């Protein structure tokens, strides 16, 4: 079974506003980078889309560590999601869970792999996290210029 490290970050200019994300997929022998964005989105949606993009590119059942500075993403996948499902996709305030479409997609993708969710302190000099942030911000600039 192959081991992968996925580094991902999302960003938004305004919230909502134009957003972008960056992803680095590293399996030791190769490293690939991806980025994308949307004209009108939120930071949390970009964080989720980054993880979805990275995981969806790994086709074979693998061990994956997702490194992110988003506590929303890490806590969502490790603590909150089981409760949301039990409560019919309602949060602790009995409101609809935001970004349910992306959470469901991420949950479906994650069942195909062994995934560890690793939180990184953002903007603390971690090279891959900084690179993903740079790619996300470049995507925002590109969207704003179009």
N, C-alpha and C. Protein backbone atom coordinates (compact mmCIF):
# COMPACT_ATOMS: atom_id res chain seq x y z
N UNK A 1 0.85 -1.17 0.00
CA UNK A 1 0.00 0.00 0.00
C UNK A 1 0.90 1.24 0.00
N UNK A 2 0.57 2.18 -0.86
CA UNK A 2 1.36 3.40 -0.98
C UNK A 2 1.00 4.39 0.13
N UNK A 3 2.01 5.10 0.60
CA UNK A 3 1.82 6.15 1.60
C UNK A 3 1.92 7.51 0.92
N UNK A 4 0.94 8.35 1.19
CA UNK A 4 0.90 9.71 0.61
C UNK A 4 0.81 10.73 1.73
N UNK A 5 1.41 11.88 1.48
CA UNK A 5 1.18 13.08 2.28
C UNK A 5 0.50 14.08 1.36
N UNK A 6 -0.64 14.57 1.80
CA UNK A 6 -1.34 15.63 1.08
C UNK A 6 -1.29 16.87 1.94
N UNK A 7 -0.79 17.95 1.36
CA UNK A 7 -0.76 19.25 2.02
C UNK A 7 -1.78 20.11 1.30
N UNK A 8 -2.65 20.78 2.05
CA UNK A 8 -3.68 21.57 1.38
C UNK A 8 -4.01 22.81 2.19
N UNK A 9 -4.41 23.85 1.44
CA UNK A 9 -4.81 25.09 2.08
C UNK A 9 -5.80 25.81 1.17
N UNK A 10 -6.73 26.50 1.78
CA UNK A 10 -7.70 27.31 1.06
C UNK A 10 -7.62 28.74 1.53
N UNK A 11 -8.07 29.64 0.69
CA UNK A 11 -8.07 31.07 1.03
C UNK A 11 -9.22 31.75 0.32
N UNK A 12 -9.59 32.90 0.84
CA UNK A 12 -10.69 33.66 0.26
C UNK A 12 -10.40 35.14 0.45
N UNK A 13 -10.79 35.95 -0.54
CA UNK A 13 -10.66 37.40 -0.44
C UNK A 13 -12.06 37.95 -0.18
N UNK A 14 -12.35 38.22 1.07
CA UNK A 14 -13.72 38.44 1.49
C UNK A 14 -14.28 37.08 1.84
N UNK A 15 -15.31 37.03 2.62
CA UNK A 15 -15.84 35.73 3.02
C UNK A 15 -17.36 35.85 3.17
N UNK A 16 -18.13 35.70 2.08
CA UNK A 16 -17.74 35.13 0.79
C UNK A 16 -17.04 36.13 -0.13
N UNK A 17 -16.43 35.54 -1.14
CA UNK A 17 -15.72 36.30 -2.16
C UNK A 17 -14.98 35.34 -3.06
N UNK A 18 -14.08 35.84 -3.89
CA UNK A 18 -13.29 34.94 -4.72
C UNK A 18 -12.35 34.12 -3.83
N UNK A 19 -12.24 32.83 -4.15
CA UNK A 19 -11.42 31.94 -3.32
C UNK A 19 -10.57 31.02 -4.16
N UNK A 20 -9.54 30.50 -3.53
CA UNK A 20 -8.66 29.56 -4.20
C UNK A 20 -8.10 28.56 -3.21
N UNK A 21 -7.51 27.51 -3.75
CA UNK A 21 -6.85 26.52 -2.90
C UNK A 21 -5.63 25.97 -3.60
N UNK A 22 -4.74 25.43 -2.80
CA UNK A 22 -3.54 24.78 -3.30
C UNK A 22 -3.39 23.42 -2.65
N UNK A 23 -2.87 22.46 -3.41
CA UNK A 23 -2.69 21.09 -2.94
C UNK A 23 -1.33 20.59 -3.40
N UNK A 24 -0.62 19.93 -2.51
CA UNK A 24 0.61 19.22 -2.86
C UNK A 24 0.41 17.77 -2.46
N UNK A 25 0.66 16.86 -3.41
CA UNK A 25 0.58 15.43 -3.14
C UNK A 25 1.98 14.86 -3.25
N UNK A 26 2.45 14.24 -2.17
CA UNK A 26 3.81 13.71 -2.10
C UNK A 26 3.75 12.24 -1.71
N UNK A 27 4.34 11.39 -2.54
CA UNK A 27 4.40 9.97 -2.19
C UNK A 27 5.85 9.51 -2.01
N UNK A 28 6.75 10.45 -1.81
CA UNK A 28 8.15 10.12 -1.61
C UNK A 28 8.95 10.14 -2.89
N UNK A 29 8.47 9.44 -3.91
CA UNK A 29 9.20 9.41 -5.18
C UNK A 29 8.72 10.49 -6.16
N UNK A 30 7.57 11.08 -5.89
CA UNK A 30 7.09 12.17 -6.75
C UNK A 30 6.26 13.15 -5.93
N UNK A 31 6.21 14.36 -6.47
CA UNK A 31 5.45 15.43 -5.83
C UNK A 31 4.72 16.19 -6.91
N UNK A 32 3.40 16.35 -6.73
CA UNK A 32 2.60 17.07 -7.71
C UNK A 32 1.83 18.17 -7.01
N UNK A 33 1.58 19.26 -7.76
CA UNK A 33 0.87 20.42 -7.22
C UNK A 33 -0.36 20.71 -8.07
N UNK A 34 -1.43 21.11 -7.39
CA UNK A 34 -2.69 21.44 -8.06
C UNK A 34 -3.29 22.66 -7.38
N UNK A 35 -4.01 23.45 -8.15
CA UNK A 35 -4.75 24.56 -7.55
C UNK A 35 -5.98 24.85 -8.40
N UNK A 36 -6.95 25.48 -7.78
CA UNK A 36 -8.17 25.87 -8.47
C UNK A 36 -8.86 26.90 -7.59
N UNK A 37 -10.00 27.37 -8.04
CA UNK A 37 -10.72 28.35 -7.25
C UNK A 37 -12.10 28.59 -7.80
N UNK A 38 -12.81 29.48 -7.14
CA UNK A 38 -14.17 29.84 -7.51
C UNK A 38 -14.36 31.34 -7.34
N UNK A 39 -15.22 31.88 -8.15
CA UNK A 39 -15.46 33.32 -8.15
C UNK A 39 -16.19 33.78 -6.87
N UNK A 40 -17.12 32.98 -6.37
CA UNK A 40 -17.90 33.36 -5.19
C UNK A 40 -17.99 32.15 -4.26
N UNK A 41 -17.25 32.21 -3.15
CA UNK A 41 -17.17 31.07 -2.26
C UNK A 41 -16.80 31.54 -0.86
N UNK A 42 -16.51 30.59 0.02
CA UNK A 42 -16.05 30.92 1.37
C UNK A 42 -14.72 30.22 1.64
N UNK A 43 -14.03 30.70 2.65
CA UNK A 43 -12.77 30.08 3.03
C UNK A 43 -12.97 28.60 3.40
N UNK A 44 -14.01 28.30 4.17
CA UNK A 44 -14.24 26.91 4.58
C UNK A 44 -14.49 26.01 3.38
N UNK A 45 -15.22 26.49 2.39
CA UNK A 45 -15.45 25.68 1.19
C UNK A 45 -14.14 25.41 0.46
N UNK A 46 -13.26 26.39 0.42
CA UNK A 46 -11.97 26.19 -0.26
C UNK A 46 -11.09 25.21 0.50
N UNK A 47 -11.15 25.23 1.82
CA UNK A 47 -10.41 24.24 2.62
C UNK A 47 -10.90 22.83 2.31
N UNK A 48 -12.21 22.66 2.25
CA UNK A 48 -12.79 21.35 1.94
C UNK A 48 -12.47 20.93 0.50
N UNK A 49 -12.59 21.86 -0.45
CA UNK A 49 -12.32 21.53 -1.86
C UNK A 49 -10.86 21.12 -2.05
N UNK A 50 -9.95 21.74 -1.31
CA UNK A 50 -8.54 21.38 -1.42
C UNK A 50 -8.33 19.92 -1.01
N UNK A 51 -8.91 19.53 0.11
CA UNK A 51 -8.77 18.14 0.57
C UNK A 51 -9.43 17.17 -0.42
N UNK A 52 -10.60 17.53 -0.91
CA UNK A 52 -11.30 16.69 -1.88
C UNK A 52 -10.46 16.51 -3.14
N UNK A 53 -9.91 17.60 -3.64
CA UNK A 53 -9.09 17.55 -4.85
C UNK A 53 -7.91 16.59 -4.64
N UNK A 54 -7.20 16.77 -3.53
CA UNK A 54 -6.03 15.93 -3.28
C UNK A 54 -6.38 14.46 -3.15
N UNK A 55 -7.37 14.15 -2.32
CA UNK A 55 -7.73 12.74 -2.08
C UNK A 55 -8.29 12.10 -3.34
N UNK A 56 -9.07 12.85 -4.12
CA UNK A 56 -9.70 12.27 -5.32
C UNK A 56 -8.67 11.87 -6.38
N UNK A 57 -7.48 12.41 -6.33
CA UNK A 57 -6.44 12.09 -7.31
C UNK A 57 -5.71 10.78 -6.99
N UNK A 58 -5.93 10.24 -5.82
CA UNK A 58 -5.29 8.98 -5.42
C UNK A 58 -6.30 7.86 -5.66
N UNK A 59 -6.00 7.03 -6.63
CA UNK A 59 -6.98 6.03 -7.08
C UNK A 59 -6.93 4.72 -6.29
N UNK A 60 -5.74 4.24 -5.96
CA UNK A 60 -5.62 2.97 -5.26
C UNK A 60 -5.77 3.16 -3.76
N UNK A 61 -6.31 2.14 -3.10
CA UNK A 61 -6.44 2.17 -1.64
C UNK A 61 -5.06 2.46 -1.05
N UNK A 62 -4.96 3.54 -0.27
CA UNK A 62 -3.66 4.00 0.21
C UNK A 62 -3.74 4.53 1.63
N UNK A 63 -2.57 4.68 2.23
CA UNK A 63 -2.44 5.38 3.51
C UNK A 63 -2.17 6.84 3.19
N UNK A 64 -3.01 7.72 3.70
CA UNK A 64 -2.88 9.15 3.39
C UNK A 64 -2.87 9.94 4.69
N UNK A 65 -1.92 10.86 4.79
CA UNK A 65 -1.95 11.86 5.86
C UNK A 65 -2.26 13.19 5.20
N UNK A 66 -3.38 13.80 5.61
CA UNK A 66 -3.76 15.11 5.10
C UNK A 66 -3.28 16.15 6.11
N UNK A 67 -2.40 17.04 5.66
CA UNK A 67 -1.84 18.11 6.49
C UNK A 67 -2.55 19.41 6.12
N UNK A 68 -3.15 20.05 7.10
CA UNK A 68 -3.92 21.28 6.84
C UNK A 68 -3.84 22.21 8.04
N UNK A 69 -3.96 23.51 7.79
CA UNK A 69 -4.02 24.45 8.90
C UNK A 69 -5.47 24.77 9.26
N UNK A 70 -6.41 24.02 8.71
CA UNK A 70 -7.83 24.24 8.96
C UNK A 70 -8.35 23.32 10.07
N UNK A 71 -8.58 23.91 11.24
CA UNK A 71 -9.19 23.12 12.31
C UNK A 71 -10.61 22.71 11.93
N UNK A 72 -11.28 23.54 11.16
CA UNK A 72 -12.62 23.21 10.65
C UNK A 72 -12.59 21.87 9.91
N UNK A 73 -11.62 21.68 9.05
CA UNK A 73 -11.50 20.44 8.29
C UNK A 73 -11.12 19.27 9.20
N UNK A 74 -10.11 19.44 10.04
CA UNK A 74 -9.66 18.35 10.90
C UNK A 74 -10.74 17.96 11.90
N UNK A 75 -11.30 18.93 12.60
CA UNK A 75 -12.34 18.61 13.59
C UNK A 75 -13.59 18.07 12.92
N UNK A 76 -13.93 18.61 11.76
CA UNK A 76 -15.09 18.10 11.03
C UNK A 76 -14.96 16.62 10.73
N UNK A 77 -13.78 16.21 10.25
CA UNK A 77 -13.60 14.82 9.85
C UNK A 77 -13.31 13.89 11.03
N UNK A 78 -12.76 14.40 12.12
CA UNK A 78 -12.39 13.52 13.23
C UNK A 78 -13.36 13.55 14.40
N UNK A 79 -14.13 14.63 14.54
CA UNK A 79 -15.00 14.76 15.72
C UNK A 79 -16.46 15.00 15.39
N UNK A 80 -16.73 15.90 14.47
CA UNK A 80 -18.09 16.38 14.30
C UNK A 80 -18.95 15.53 13.36
N UNK A 81 -18.35 14.96 12.33
CA UNK A 81 -19.15 14.39 11.23
C UNK A 81 -20.06 13.24 11.69
N UNK A 82 -19.57 12.40 12.60
CA UNK A 82 -20.42 11.28 13.05
C UNK A 82 -21.67 11.79 13.76
N UNK A 83 -21.53 12.85 14.55
CA UNK A 83 -22.69 13.45 15.21
C UNK A 83 -23.64 14.10 14.23
N UNK A 84 -23.08 14.78 13.22
CA UNK A 84 -23.94 15.39 12.20
C UNK A 84 -24.79 14.33 11.51
N UNK A 85 -24.17 13.23 11.17
CA UNK A 85 -24.89 12.16 10.47
C UNK A 85 -26.00 11.60 11.37
N UNK A 86 -25.67 11.32 12.64
CA UNK A 86 -26.66 10.78 13.58
C UNK A 86 -27.84 11.73 13.77
N UNK A 87 -27.56 13.05 13.67
CA UNK A 87 -28.60 14.06 13.87
C UNK A 87 -29.24 14.49 12.56
N UNK A 88 -29.03 13.72 11.49
CA UNK A 88 -29.64 14.08 10.20
C UNK A 88 -29.02 15.32 9.58
N UNK A 89 -27.70 15.45 9.72
CA UNK A 89 -26.94 16.59 9.19
C UNK A 89 -27.36 17.92 9.82
N UNK A 90 -27.60 17.85 11.14
CA UNK A 90 -27.84 19.05 11.93
C UNK A 90 -26.65 19.24 12.87
N UNK A 91 -26.31 20.50 13.13
CA UNK A 91 -25.22 20.78 14.06
C UNK A 91 -25.74 20.84 15.49
N UNK A 92 -24.87 21.22 16.42
CA UNK A 92 -25.27 21.25 17.83
C UNK A 92 -26.35 22.29 18.13
N UNK A 93 -26.50 23.28 17.24
CA UNK A 93 -27.58 24.26 17.39
C UNK A 93 -28.85 23.85 16.64
N UNK A 94 -28.86 22.60 16.16
CA UNK A 94 -29.99 22.03 15.42
C UNK A 94 -30.25 22.74 14.10
N UNK A 95 -29.18 23.35 13.55
CA UNK A 95 -29.25 23.99 12.23
C UNK A 95 -28.62 23.06 11.21
N UNK A 96 -28.99 23.26 9.94
CA UNK A 96 -28.38 22.48 8.87
C UNK A 96 -26.86 22.70 8.86
N UNK A 97 -26.13 21.61 8.69
CA UNK A 97 -24.67 21.70 8.60
C UNK A 97 -24.30 22.43 7.31
N UNK A 98 -23.46 23.46 7.45
CA UNK A 98 -23.01 24.20 6.27
C UNK A 98 -22.04 23.33 5.47
N UNK A 99 -22.08 23.49 4.17
CA UNK A 99 -21.19 22.77 3.24
C UNK A 99 -21.41 21.27 3.25
N UNK A 100 -22.65 20.86 3.53
CA UNK A 100 -22.96 19.44 3.60
C UNK A 100 -22.56 18.71 2.32
N UNK A 101 -22.77 19.34 1.17
CA UNK A 101 -22.42 18.69 -0.10
C UNK A 101 -20.95 18.29 -0.13
N UNK A 102 -20.08 19.18 0.36
CA UNK A 102 -18.65 18.89 0.35
C UNK A 102 -18.26 17.90 1.45
N UNK A 103 -18.88 18.00 2.60
CA UNK A 103 -18.61 17.03 3.67
C UNK A 103 -18.99 15.61 3.21
N UNK A 104 -20.13 15.49 2.53
CA UNK A 104 -20.55 14.16 2.05
C UNK A 104 -19.58 13.64 1.00
N UNK A 105 -19.13 14.51 0.11
CA UNK A 105 -18.16 14.09 -0.90
C UNK A 105 -16.84 13.66 -0.24
N UNK A 106 -16.38 14.42 0.72
CA UNK A 106 -15.15 14.10 1.42
C UNK A 106 -15.28 12.79 2.20
N UNK A 107 -16.40 12.59 2.84
CA UNK A 107 -16.65 11.36 3.58
C UNK A 107 -16.62 10.15 2.64
N UNK A 108 -17.27 10.27 1.50
CA UNK A 108 -17.28 9.18 0.52
C UNK A 108 -15.86 8.86 0.03
N UNK A 109 -15.10 9.88 -0.30
CA UNK A 109 -13.72 9.68 -0.76
C UNK A 109 -12.86 9.06 0.34
N UNK A 110 -13.06 9.50 1.56
CA UNK A 110 -12.20 9.04 2.66
C UNK A 110 -12.41 7.57 2.99
N UNK A 111 -13.56 7.02 2.64
CA UNK A 111 -13.83 5.60 2.91
C UNK A 111 -12.99 4.68 2.04
N UNK A 112 -12.40 5.21 0.98
CA UNK A 112 -11.59 4.41 0.06
C UNK A 112 -10.14 4.26 0.53
N UNK A 113 -9.77 4.98 1.59
CA UNK A 113 -8.38 5.04 2.04
C UNK A 113 -8.30 4.96 3.56
N UNK A 114 -7.08 4.81 4.05
CA UNK A 114 -6.79 4.98 5.47
C UNK A 114 -6.26 6.40 5.61
N UNK A 115 -7.04 7.28 6.23
CA UNK A 115 -6.66 8.69 6.28
C UNK A 115 -6.43 9.15 7.71
N UNK A 116 -5.32 9.85 7.88
CA UNK A 116 -5.00 10.52 9.14
C UNK A 116 -5.09 12.02 8.85
N UNK A 117 -5.77 12.74 9.73
CA UNK A 117 -5.95 14.20 9.57
C UNK A 117 -5.00 14.89 10.52
N UNK A 118 -4.08 15.68 9.98
CA UNK A 118 -3.03 16.32 10.76
C UNK A 118 -3.14 17.84 10.67
N UNK A 119 -3.35 18.48 11.82
CA UNK A 119 -3.43 19.93 11.85
C UNK A 119 -2.03 20.53 11.94
N UNK A 120 -1.80 21.58 11.13
CA UNK A 120 -0.55 22.35 11.17
C UNK A 120 -0.90 23.78 11.57
N UNK A 121 -0.04 24.40 12.34
CA UNK A 121 -0.24 25.82 12.63
C UNK A 121 0.01 26.61 11.36
N UNK A 122 -0.97 27.39 10.94
CA UNK A 122 -0.84 28.17 9.71
C UNK A 122 0.16 29.30 9.83
N UNK A 123 0.78 29.63 8.71
CA UNK A 123 1.71 30.75 8.61
C UNK A 123 2.82 30.67 9.66
N UNK A 124 3.29 29.45 9.88
CA UNK A 124 4.35 29.24 10.88
C UNK A 124 5.66 28.79 10.22
N UNK A 125 5.73 28.92 8.89
CA UNK A 125 6.96 28.58 8.20
C UNK A 125 7.04 27.16 7.69
N UNK A 126 5.96 26.38 7.81
CA UNK A 126 5.97 25.01 7.27
C UNK A 126 6.02 25.13 5.75
N UNK A 127 7.06 24.61 5.09
CA UNK A 127 7.26 24.87 3.65
C UNK A 127 6.08 24.48 2.75
N UNK A 128 5.52 23.30 2.95
CA UNK A 128 4.42 22.87 2.09
C UNK A 128 3.15 23.67 2.36
N UNK A 129 2.90 23.98 3.63
CA UNK A 129 1.72 24.78 3.95
C UNK A 129 1.86 26.18 3.36
N UNK A 130 3.03 26.75 3.44
CA UNK A 130 3.27 28.07 2.87
C UNK A 130 3.10 28.05 1.35
N UNK A 131 3.58 26.97 0.72
CA UNK A 131 3.45 26.84 -0.74
C UNK A 131 1.97 26.71 -1.14
N UNK A 132 1.21 25.92 -0.40
CA UNK A 132 -0.22 25.77 -0.70
C UNK A 132 -0.95 27.10 -0.53
N UNK A 133 -0.59 27.86 0.50
CA UNK A 133 -1.20 29.17 0.72
C UNK A 133 -0.86 30.10 -0.45
N UNK A 134 0.39 30.07 -0.91
CA UNK A 134 0.81 30.90 -2.04
C UNK A 134 0.01 30.54 -3.30
N UNK A 135 -0.15 29.23 -3.56
CA UNK A 135 -0.92 28.80 -4.73
C UNK A 135 -2.38 29.24 -4.63
N UNK A 136 -2.96 29.15 -3.43
CA UNK A 136 -4.35 29.56 -3.23
C UNK A 136 -4.51 31.06 -3.51
N UNK A 137 -3.58 31.86 -3.01
CA UNK A 137 -3.66 33.31 -3.20
C UNK A 137 -3.40 33.70 -4.66
N UNK A 138 -2.54 32.97 -5.35
CA UNK A 138 -2.34 33.22 -6.78
C UNK A 138 -3.61 32.93 -7.57
N UNK A 139 -4.32 31.89 -7.17
CA UNK A 139 -5.57 31.56 -7.84
C UNK A 139 -6.61 32.67 -7.62
N UNK A 140 -6.66 33.23 -6.43
CA UNK A 140 -7.58 34.34 -6.16
C UNK A 140 -7.25 35.51 -7.07
N UNK A 141 -5.98 35.87 -7.18
CA UNK A 141 -5.58 36.97 -8.06
C UNK A 141 -6.01 36.70 -9.50
N UNK A 142 -5.80 35.47 -9.96
CA UNK A 142 -6.16 35.11 -11.32
C UNK A 142 -7.68 35.25 -11.53
N UNK A 143 -8.45 34.79 -10.58
CA UNK A 143 -9.91 34.89 -10.68
C UNK A 143 -10.35 36.37 -10.71
N UNK A 144 -9.72 37.19 -9.89
CA UNK A 144 -10.10 38.59 -9.81
C UNK A 144 -9.71 39.35 -11.08
N UNK A 145 -8.69 38.88 -11.80
CA UNK A 145 -8.26 39.52 -13.04
C UNK A 145 -9.14 39.14 -14.23
N UNK A 146 -9.75 37.97 -14.15
CA UNK A 146 -10.60 37.49 -15.27
C UNK A 146 -11.88 38.28 -15.39
